[in-house]
């Protein structure tokens, strides 16, 4: 009689199902993307600001306030873009997200580098947009007048919207990304245009003018992409 046990009745081993990336992992990828590309811009900002610090120009309230607030605005755009890259279905939207991520992370790093050299805090303790004091000659369609600092900048996605974006996948993610990012661009444009006109330093005015050109082009593209999907843009918050 054989001592080998009979395995004929035992079930065949089955391969474990491949796990899809968890949502928390996608969010972690977003954070790493923000940190990595910010460093490049931060170092560039330090080099430019060091030369400017010893030159004839000194940063004013607009230079400082814009650099503080737009760094925050840009950082959320980078986070949204990284979530889109992690689960996009449309290659064209994915390319747009990549362009926004790399461009805005670099710009945010530059602005944070300037703040470091100016010995200014990375965040204003008094809220956002308080540096936009002369609105008499600045007009932007769809922008409500404001007086003093605000708690939330226009165009920013809420915590609930960011959570929903992190959970979406495929075509639904593409559409939600386009809606949120278009509103984000539109909300930031008044700050960009104001800094391009009112900042005291050439570097801030030049950067703001570059942002205006790039983001207007991206906003036009996102508007077209939403129209092709027969989806309406989000109203300004």
Foldseek 3Di string as FASTA:
>chain_A
DDPDDDCPPPDDDDDDDDDDDDLVVLLVQLVVLLVVLLQQLQVVLLVVLVVVVPDDFDWDLLLLQLLLVLLVLLSQLSSLLSLCCSFEADVVLNVLSVVSNNVSSNVNSNSVNNCVSNVHDSHDPQAHDQSLQDCPPPDDPQDDDDHGHDHDFKLDDDPVLSVVLSPDHYPVNSLSSLQSVLRSLSRCLSSLVSQLPDIGDPVSVVVSVVSNVVSVVVSVVSCVVCVVVVHDHDRMD
